[in-house]
Amino acid sequence: MSESKTIYCGSGKKQNDGWLKVTINPDKLMEYVEEFNGNKFVKLNINIKDEADQYGKDVSISVDTWKPDAQPIDADVEGDDDLPF
């Protein structure tokens, strides 16, 4: 398994328990844009820091680069449940 580098793309401040105010740098996201059913998206990780940094930012945003390990699909085996995943 290779170690992946964290790609930080933004930061912000926690306004209250239900509201985060953030800024994202779109230039850092361009190579991570994915497409699904004709829609483009970027997976992000949003973390609330224990302490604010020197600029008062207590929210960190990074690109979610995790990919599942490729596993072969056995077409002859059918699942016993009705779950779509």
PDB file of N, CA and C in Angstrom:
ATOM      1  N   MET A   1       0.848  -1.167   0.000  1.00  0.00           N
ATOM      2  CA  MET A   1       0.000   0.000   0.000  1.00  0.00           C
ATOM      3  C   MET A   1       0.900   1.239   0.000  1.00  0.00           C
ATOM      4  N   SER A   2       0.624   2.188  -0.882  1.00  0.00           N
ATOM      5  CA  SER A   2       1.438   3.390  -0.946  1.00  0.00           C
ATOM      6  C   SER A   2       0.838   4.480  -0.066  1.00  0.00           C
ATOM      7  N   GLU A   3       1.725   5.264   0.503  1.00  0.00           N
ATOM      8  CA  GLU A   3       1.289   6.375   1.338  1.00  0.00           C
ATOM      9  C   GLU A   3       0.861   7.520   0.425  1.00  0.00           C
ATOM     10  N   SER A   4      -0.272   8.121   0.685  1.00  0.00           N
ATOM     11  CA  SER A   4      -0.692   9.255  -0.122  1.00  0.00           C
ATOM     12  C   SER A   4      -0.481  10.543   0.668  1.00  0.00           C
ATOM     13  N   LYS A   5      -0.098  11.565  -0.050  1.00  0.00           N
ATOM     14  CA  LYS A   5       0.136  12.873   0.543  1.00  0.00           C
ATOM     15  C   LYS A   5      -1.202  13.603   0.669  1.00  0.00           C
ATOM     16  N   THR A   6      -1.410  14.286   1.772  1.00  0.00           N
ATOM     17  CA  THR A   6      -2.639  15.046   1.969  1.00  0.00           C
ATOM     18  C   THR A   6      -2.592  16.301   1.116  1.00  0.00           C
ATOM     19  N   ILE A   7      -3.643  16.526   0.338  1.00  0.00           N
ATOM     20  CA  ILE A   7      -3.739  17.699  -0.516  1.00  0.00           C
ATOM     21  C   ILE A   7      -4.699  18.675   0.143  1.00  0.00           C
ATOM     22  N   TYR A   8      -4.164  19.665   0.853  1.00  0.00           N
ATOM     23  CA  TYR A   8      -5.000  20.669   1.497  1.00  0.00           C
ATOM     24  C   TYR A   8      -5.476  21.652   0.445  1.00  0.00           C
ATOM     25  N   CYS A   9      -6.777  21.955   0.468  1.00  0.00           N
ATOM     26  CA  CYS A   9      -7.337  22.820  -0.563  1.00  0.00           C
ATOM     27  C   CYS A   9      -8.183  23.948   0.010  1.00  0.00           C
ATOM     28  N   GLY A  10      -8.229  24.070   1.326  1.00  0.00           N
ATOM     29  CA  GLY A  10      -9.010  25.140   1.916  1.00  0.00           C
ATOM     30  C   GLY A  10      -8.993  25.100   3.423  1.00  0.00           C
ATOM     31  N   SER A  11      -9.642  26.096   3.998  1.00  0.00           N
ATOM     32  CA  SER A  11      -9.740  26.179   5.453  1.00  0.00           C
ATOM     33  C   SER A  11     -10.959  27.025   5.792  1.00  0.00           C
ATOM     34  N   GLY A  12     -11.229  27.137   7.069  1.00  0.00           N
ATOM     35  CA  GLY A  12     -12.381  27.927   7.475  1.00  0.00           C
ATOM     36  C   GLY A  12     -12.509  28.035   8.970  1.00  0.00           C
ATOM     37  N   LYS A  13     -13.657  28.529   9.386  1.00  0.00           N
ATOM     38  CA  LYS A  13     -13.942  28.710  10.808  1.00  0.00           C
ATOM     39  C   LYS A  13     -15.293  28.099  11.141  1.00  0.00           C
ATOM     40  N   LYS A  14     -15.345  27.471  12.297  1.00  0.00           N
ATOM     41  CA  LYS A  14     -16.602  26.939  12.808  1.00  0.00           C
ATOM     42  C   LYS A  14     -17.393  28.109  13.371  1.00  0.00           C
ATOM     43  N   GLN A  15     -18.579  28.359  12.830  1.00  0.00           N
ATOM     44  CA  GLN A  15     -19.411  29.469  13.282  1.00  0.00           C
ATOM     45  C   GLN A  15     -20.266  29.065  14.482  1.00  0.00           C
ATOM     46  N   ASN A  16     -20.802  27.845  14.409  1.00  0.00           N
ATOM     47  CA  ASN A  16     -21.541  27.245  15.522  1.00  0.00           C
ATOM     48  C   ASN A  16     -21.611  25.751  15.247  1.00  0.00           C
ATOM     49  N   ASP A  17     -22.347  24.989  16.063  1.00  0.00           N
ATOM     50  CA  ASP A  17     -22.373  23.527  15.916  1.00  0.00           C
ATOM     51  C   ASP A  17     -22.872  23.053  14.556  1.00  0.00           C
ATOM     52  N   GLY A  18     -23.684  23.842  13.886  1.00  0.00           N
ATOM     53  CA  GLY A  18     -24.240  23.418  12.615  1.00  0.00           C
ATOM     54  C   GLY A  18     -23.789  24.221  11.416  1.00  0.00           C
ATOM     55  N   TRP A  19     -22.758  25.062  11.573  1.00  0.00           N
ATOM     56  CA  TRP A  19     -22.377  25.943  10.468  1.00  0.00           C
ATOM     57  C   TRP A  19     -20.873  26.121  10.417  1.00  0.00           C
ATOM     58  N   LEU A  20     -20.302  25.730   9.281  1.00  0.00           N
ATOM     59  CA  LEU A  20     -18.885  25.943   9.011  1.00  0.00           C
ATOM     60  C   LEU A  20     -18.777  26.929   7.857  1.00  0.00           C
ATOM     61  N   LYS A  21     -17.916  27.911   7.986  1.00  0.00           N
ATOM     62  CA  LYS A  21     -17.695  28.881   6.923  1.00  0.00           C
ATOM     63  C   LYS A  21     -16.303  28.616   6.368  1.00  0.00           C
ATOM     64  N   VAL A  22     -16.219  28.248   5.071  1.00  0.00           N
ATOM     65  CA  VAL A  22     -14.951  27.812   4.499  1.00  0.00           C
ATOM     66  C   VAL A  22     -14.640  28.511   3.180  1.00  0.00           C
ATOM     67  N   THR A  23     -13.372  28.451   2.816  1.00  0.00           N
ATOM     68  CA  THR A  23     -12.881  28.936   1.532  1.00  0.00           C
ATOM     69  C   THR A  23     -12.089  27.808   0.896  1.00  0.00           C
ATOM     70  N   ILE A  24     -12.347  27.545  -0.390  1.00  0.00           N
ATOM     71  CA  ILE A  24     -11.673  26.467  -1.102  1.00  0.00           C
ATOM     72  C   ILE A  24     -10.932  27.042  -2.300  1.00  0.00           C
ATOM     73  N   ASN A  25      -9.713  26.559  -2.534  1.00  0.00           N
ATOM     74  CA  ASN A  25      -8.907  26.963  -3.684  1.00  0.00           C
ATOM     75  C   ASN A  25      -9.198  26.010  -4.840  1.00  0.00           C
ATOM     76  N   PRO A  26      -9.948  26.429  -5.862  1.00  0.00           N
ATOM     77  CA  PRO A  26     -10.326  25.518  -6.947  1.00  0.00           C
ATOM     78  C   PRO A  26      -9.139  25.036  -7.781  1.00  0.00           C
ATOM     79  N   ASP A  27      -8.059  25.800  -7.840  1.00  0.00           N
ATOM     80  CA  ASP A  27      -6.876  25.369  -8.603  1.00  0.00           C
ATOM     81  C   ASP A  27      -6.293  24.078  -8.049  1.00  0.00           C
ATOM     82  N   LYS A  28      -6.414  23.854  -6.745  1.00  0.00           N
ATOM     83  CA  LYS A  28      -5.880  22.646  -6.131  1.00  0.00           C
ATOM     84  C   LYS A  28      -6.794  21.439  -6.335  1.00  0.00           C
ATOM     85  N   LEU A  29      -8.009  21.665  -6.851  1.00  0.00           N
ATOM     86  CA  LEU A  29      -8.982  20.589  -7.022  1.00  0.00           C
ATOM     87  C   LEU A  29      -9.059  20.046  -8.443  1.00  0.00           C
ATOM     88  N   MET A  30      -8.590  20.791  -9.414  1.00  0.00           N
ATOM     89  CA  MET A  30      -8.814  20.473 -10.827  1.00  0.00           C
ATOM     90  C   MET A  30      -8.457  19.042 -11.206  1.00  0.00           C
ATOM     91  N   GLU A  31      -7.320  18.527 -10.766  1.00  0.00           N
ATOM     92  CA  GLU A  31      -6.923  17.182 -11.180  1.00  0.00           C
ATOM     93  C   GLU A  31      -7.672  16.075 -10.434  1.00  0.00           C
ATOM     94  N   TYR A  32      -8.513  16.441  -9.458  1.00  0.00           N
ATOM     95  CA  TYR A  32      -9.255  15.446  -8.679  1.00  0.00           C
ATOM     96  C   TYR A  32     -10.747  15.432  -9.021  1.00  0.00           C
ATOM     97  N   VAL A  33     -11.148  16.187 -10.036  1.00  0.00           N
ATOM     98  CA  VAL A  33     -12.543  16.203 -10.462  1.00  0.00           C
ATOM     99  C   VAL A  33     -12.867  14.848 -11.088  1.00  0.00           C
ATOM    100  N   GLU A  34     -13.947  14.227 -10.632  1.00  0.00           N
ATOM    101  CA  GLU A  34     -14.406  12.945 -11.155  1.00  0.00           C
ATOM    102  C   GLU A  34     -15.766  13.154 -11.810  1.00  0.00           C
ATOM    103  N   GLU A  35     -16.142  12.221 -12.664  1.00  0.00           N
ATOM    104  CA  GLU A  35     -17.446  12.321 -13.316  1.00  0.00           C
ATOM    105  C   GLU A  35     -18.240  11.045 -13.060  1.00  0.00           C
ATOM    106  N   PHE A  36     -19.528  11.223 -12.798  1.00  0.00           N
ATOM    107  CA  PHE A  36     -20.435  10.104 -12.579  1.00  0.00           C
ATOM    108  C   PHE A  36     -21.799  10.486 -13.135  1.00  0.00           C
ATOM    109  N   ASN A  37     -22.322   9.702 -14.043  1.00  0.00           N
ATOM    110  CA  ASN A  37     -23.630   9.959 -14.665  1.00  0.00           C
ATOM    111  C   ASN A  37     -23.732  11.379 -15.224  1.00  0.00           C
ATOM    112  N   GLY A  38     -22.652  11.845 -15.832  1.00  0.00           N
ATOM    113  CA  GLY A  38     -22.655  13.166 -16.461  1.00  0.00           C
ATOM    114  C   GLY A  38     -22.465  14.334 -15.512  1.00  0.00           C
ATOM    115  N   ASN A  39     -22.304  14.067 -14.214  1.00  0.00           N
ATOM    116  CA  ASN A  39     -22.085  15.127 -13.227  1.00  0.00           C
ATOM    117  C   ASN A  39     -20.649  15.091 -12.741  1.00  0.00           C
ATOM    118  N   LYS A  40     -20.071  16.253 -12.509  1.00  0.00           N
ATOM    119  CA  LYS A  40     -18.707  16.346 -12.005  1.00  0.00           C
ATOM    120  C   LYS A  40     -18.741  16.613 -10.502  1.00  0.00           C
ATOM    121  N   PHE A  41     -17.784  16.008  -9.793  1.00  0.00           N
ATOM    122  CA  PHE A  41     -17.727  16.204  -8.355  1.00  0.00           C
ATOM    123  C   PHE A  41     -16.299  16.006  -7.862  1.00  0.00           C
ATOM    124  N   VAL A  42     -16.038  16.479  -6.655  1.00  0.00           N
ATOM    125  CA  VAL A  42     -14.762  16.288  -5.963  1.00  0.00           C
ATOM    126  C   VAL A  42     -15.090  15.812  -4.562  1.00  0.00           C
ATOM    127  N   LYS A  43     -14.448  14.724  -4.121  1.00  0.00           N
ATOM    128  CA  LYS A  43     -14.646  14.227  -2.758  1.00  0.00           C
ATOM    129  C   LYS A  43     -13.692  14.977  -1.829  1.00  0.00           C
ATOM    130  N   LEU A  44     -14.229  15.490  -0.734  1.00  0.00           N
ATOM    131  CA  LEU A  44     -13.441  16.278   0.214  1.00  0.00           C
ATOM    132  C   LEU A  44     -13.571  15.713   1.620  1.00  0.00           C
ATOM    133  N   ASN A  45     -12.536  15.945   2.418  1.00  0.00           N
ATOM    134  CA  ASN A  45     -12.560  15.666   3.851  1.00  0.00           C
ATOM    135  C   ASN A  45     -12.601  17.007   4.559  1.00  0.00           C
ATOM    136  N   ILE A  46     -13.546  17.186   5.472  1.00  0.00           N
ATOM    137  CA  ILE A  46     -13.646  18.420   6.252  1.00  0.00           C
ATOM    138  C   ILE A  46     -13.462  18.041   7.711  1.00  0.00           C
ATOM    139  N   ASN A  47     -12.437  18.607   8.316  1.00  0.00           N
ATOM    140  CA  ASN A  47     -12.088  18.272   9.699  1.00  0.00           C
ATOM    141  C   ASN A  47     -12.117  19.516  10.571  1.00  0.00           C
ATOM    142  N   ILE A  48     -12.656  19.367  11.766  1.00  0.00           N
ATOM    143  CA  ILE A  48     -12.636  20.447  12.747  1.00  0.00           C
ATOM    144  C   ILE A  48     -11.420  20.223  13.631  1.00  0.00           C
ATOM    145  N   LYS A  49     -10.557  21.222  13.674  1.00  0.00           N
ATOM    146  CA  LYS A  49      -9.308  21.126  14.441  1.00  0.00           C
ATOM    147  C   LYS A  49      -9.582  21.299  15.935  1.00  0.00           C
ATOM    148  N   ASP A  50      -8.698  20.747  16.746  1.00  0.00           N
ATOM    149  CA  ASP A  50      -8.797  20.920  18.194  1.00  0.00           C
ATOM    150  C   ASP A  50      -8.506  22.362  18.597  1.00  0.00           C
ATOM    151  N   GLU A  51      -7.589  22.999  17.870  1.00  0.00           N
ATOM    152  CA  GLU A  51      -7.205  24.391  18.154  1.00  0.00           C
ATOM    153  C   GLU A  51      -7.116  25.165  16.853  1.00  0.00           C
ATOM    154  N   ALA A  52      -7.432  26.437  16.927  1.00  0.00           N
ATOM    155  CA  ALA A  52      -7.315  27.307  15.752  1.00  0.00           C
ATOM    156  C   ALA A  52      -5.847  27.559  15.431  1.00  0.00           C
ATOM    157  N   ASP A  53      -5.546  27.782  14.137  1.00  0.00           N
ATOM    158  CA  ASP A  53      -4.172  28.087  13.739  1.00  0.00           C
ATOM    159  C   ASP A  53      -3.878  29.568  13.974  1.00  0.00           C
ATOM    160  N   GLN A  54      -2.752  30.017  13.495  1.00  0.00           N
ATOM    161  CA  GLN A  54      -2.335  31.414  13.731  1.00  0.00           C
ATOM    162  C   GLN A  54      -3.270  32.434  13.083  1.00  0.00           C
ATOM    163  N   TYR A  55      -4.103  31.991  12.123  1.00  0.00           N
ATOM    164  CA  TYR A  55      -5.048  32.887  11.448  1.00  0.00           C
ATOM    165  C   TYR A  55      -6.472  32.734  11.986  1.00  0.00           C
ATOM    166  N   GLY A  56      -6.636  31.941  13.034  1.00  0.00           N
ATOM    167  CA  GLY A  56      -7.944  31.730  13.632  1.00  0.00           C
ATOM    168  C   GLY A  56      -8.770  30.662  12.934  1.00  0.00           C
ATOM    169  N   LYS A  57      -8.174  29.943  11.979  1.00  0.00           N
ATOM    170  CA  LYS A  57      -8.891  28.901  11.237  1.00  0.00           C
ATOM    171  C   LYS A  57      -8.917  27.612  12.051  1.00  0.00           C
ATOM    172  N   ASP A  58     -10.112  27.076  12.273  1.00  0.00           N
ATOM    173  CA  ASP A  58     -10.239  25.835  13.036  1.00  0.00           C
ATOM    174  C   ASP A  58     -10.908  24.723  12.218  1.00  0.00           C
ATOM    175  N   VAL A  59     -11.008  24.929  10.896  1.00  0.00           N
ATOM    176  CA  VAL A  59     -11.540  23.939   9.972  1.00  0.00           C
ATOM    177  C   VAL A  59     -10.506  23.703   8.882  1.00  0.00           C
ATOM    178  N   SER A  60     -10.243  22.445   8.578  1.00  0.00           N
ATOM    179  CA  SER A  60      -9.270  22.060   7.560  1.00  0.00           C
ATOM    180  C   SER A  60      -9.999  21.271   6.471  1.00  0.00           C
ATOM    181  N   ILE A  61      -9.680  21.559   5.208  1.00  0.00           N
ATOM    182  CA  ILE A  61     -10.307  20.863   4.085  1.00  0.00           C
ATOM    183  C   ILE A  61      -9.215  20.248   3.230  1.00  0.00           C
ATOM    184  N   SER A  62      -9.379  18.959   2.913  1.00  0.00           N
ATOM    185  CA  SER A  62      -8.416  18.271   2.055  1.00  0.00           C
ATOM    186  C   SER A  62      -9.168  17.397   1.058  1.00  0.00           C
ATOM    187  N   VAL A  63      -8.481  17.055  -0.025  1.00  0.00           N
ATOM    188  CA  VAL A  63      -9.061  16.204  -1.060  1.00  0.00           C
ATOM    189  C   VAL A  63      -9.059  14.767  -0.555  1.00  0.00           C
ATOM    190  N   ASP A  64     -10.185  14.077  -0.724  1.00  0.00           N
ATOM    191  CA  ASP A  64     -10.290  12.660  -0.366  1.00  0.00           C
ATOM    192  C   ASP A  64      -9.776  11.852  -1.551  1.00  0.00           C
ATOM    193  N   THR A  65      -8.543  11.345  -1.451  1.00  0.00           N
ATOM    194  CA  THR A  65      -7.924  10.601  -2.543  1.00  0.00           C
ATOM    195  C   THR A  65      -8.032   9.091  -2.352  1.00  0.00           C
ATOM    196  N   TRP A  66      -8.747   8.631  -1.322  1.00  0.00           N
ATOM    197  CA  TRP A  66      -8.856   7.213  -1.046  1.00  0.00           C
ATOM    198  C   TRP A  66      -9.585   6.507  -2.181  1.00  0.00           C
ATOM    199  N   LYS A  67      -9.038   5.385  -2.592  1.00  0.00           N
ATOM    200  CA  LYS A  67      -9.663   4.530  -3.611  1.00  0.00           C
ATOM    201  C   LYS A  67      -9.716   3.123  -3.042  1.00  0.00           C
ATOM    202  N   PRO A  68     -10.836   2.431  -3.210  1.00  0.00           N
ATOM    203  CA  PRO A  68     -10.904   1.049  -2.729  1.00  0.00           C
ATOM    204  C   PRO A  68      -9.964   0.162  -3.537  1.00  0.00           C
ATOM    205  N   ASP A  69      -9.471  -0.898  -2.916  1.00  0.00           N
ATOM    206  CA  ASP A  69      -8.651  -1.864  -3.641  1.00  0.00           C
ATOM    207  C   ASP A  69      -9.521  -2.537  -4.683  1.00  0.00           C
ATOM    208  N   ALA A  70      -8.980  -2.683  -5.873  1.00  0.00           N
ATOM    209  CA  ALA A  70      -9.735  -3.353  -6.937  1.00  0.00           C
ATOM    210  C   ALA A  70      -9.856  -4.828  -6.599  1.00  0.00           C
ATOM    211  N   GLN A  71     -11.076  -5.326  -6.625  1.00  0.00           N
ATOM    212  CA  GLN A  71     -11.316  -6.734  -6.348  1.00  0.00           C
ATOM    213  C   GLN A  71     -12.096  -7.314  -7.519  1.00  0.00           C
ATOM    214  N   PRO A  72     -11.721  -8.503  -7.964  1.00  0.00           N
ATOM    215  CA  PRO A  72     -12.448  -9.108  -9.084  1.00  0.00           C
ATOM    216  C   PRO A  72     -13.893  -9.419  -8.693  1.00  0.00           C
ATOM    217  N   ILE A  73     -14.771  -9.259  -9.638  1.00  0.00           N
ATOM    218  CA  ILE A  73     -16.189  -9.532  -9.405  1.00  0.00           C
ATOM    219  C   ILE A  73     -16.507 -10.886 -10.022  1.00  0.00           C
ATOM    220  N   ASP A  74     -17.081 -11.760  -9.224  1.00  0.00           N
ATOM    221  CA  ASP A  74     -17.458 -13.088  -9.693  1.00  0.00           C
ATOM    222  C   ASP A  74     -18.905 -13.019 -10.165  1.00  0.00           C
ATOM    223  N   ALA A  75     -19.104 -13.055 -11.482  1.00  0.00           N
ATOM    224  CA  ALA A  75     -20.437 -12.906 -12.061  1.00  0.00           C
ATOM    225  C   ALA A  75     -21.346 -14.078 -11.743  1.00  0.00           C
ATOM    226  N   ASP A  76     -20.789 -15.214 -11.345  1.00  0.00           N
ATOM    227  CA  ASP A  76     -21.596 -16.391 -11.071  1.00  0.00           C
ATOM    228  C   ASP A  76     -22.193 -16.396  -9.668  1.00  0.00           C
ATOM    229  N   VAL A  77     -21.720 -15.492  -8.790  1.00  0.00           N
ATOM    230  CA  VAL A  77     -22.180 -15.479  -7.402  1.00  0.00           C
ATOM    231  C   VAL A  77     -23.213 -14.371  -7.229  1.00  0.00           C
ATOM    232  N   GLU A  78     -24.358 -14.723  -6.684  1.00  0.00           N
ATOM    233  CA  GLU A  78     -25.392 -13.728  -6.418  1.00  0.00           C
ATOM    234  C   GLU A  78     -25.532 -13.548  -4.920  1.00  0.00           C
ATOM    235  N   GLY A  79     -25.790 -12.311  -4.502  1.00  0.00           N
ATOM    236  CA  GLY A  79     -25.947 -12.007  -3.084  1.00  0.00           C
ATOM    237  C   GLY A  79     -27.277 -12.505  -2.553  1.00  0.00           C
ATOM    238  N   ASP A  80     -27.345 -12.691  -1.241  1.00  0.00           N
ATOM    239  CA  ASP A  80     -28.567 -13.161  -0.603  1.00  0.00           C
ATOM    240  C   ASP A  80     -29.458 -12.020  -0.146  1.00  0.00           C
ATOM    241  N   ASP A  81     -28.952 -10.783  -0.215  1.00  0.00           N
ATOM    242  CA  ASP A  81     -29.766  -9.656   0.271  1.00  0.00           C
ATOM    243  C   ASP A  81     -30.171  -8.756  -0.882  1.00  0.00           C
ATOM    244  N   ASP A  82     -31.010  -7.786  -0.585  1.00  0.00           N
ATOM    245  CA  ASP A  82     -31.515  -6.878  -1.595  1.00  0.00           C
ATOM    246  C   ASP A  82     -30.773  -5.546  -1.614  1.00  0.00           C
ATOM    247  N   LEU A  83     -29.677  -5.441  -0.880  1.00  0.00           N
ATOM    248  CA  LEU A  83     -28.950  -4.179  -0.794  1.00  0.00           C
ATOM    249  C   LEU A  83     -28.293  -3.867  -2.133  1.00  0.00           C
ATOM    250  N   PRO A  84     -28.357  -2.583  -2.557  1.00  0.00           N
ATOM    251  CA  PRO A  84     -27.762  -2.197  -3.836  1.00  0.00           C
ATOM    252  C   PRO A  84     -26.257  -1.985  -3.761  1.00  0.00           C
ATOM    253  N   PHE A  85     -25.654  -2.153  -2.603  1.00  0.00           N
ATOM    254  CA  PHE A  85     -24.215  -1.952  -2.455  1.00  0.00           C
ATOM    255  C   PHE A  85     -23.585  -3.092  -1.704  1.00  0.00           C
TER     256      PHE A  85
END
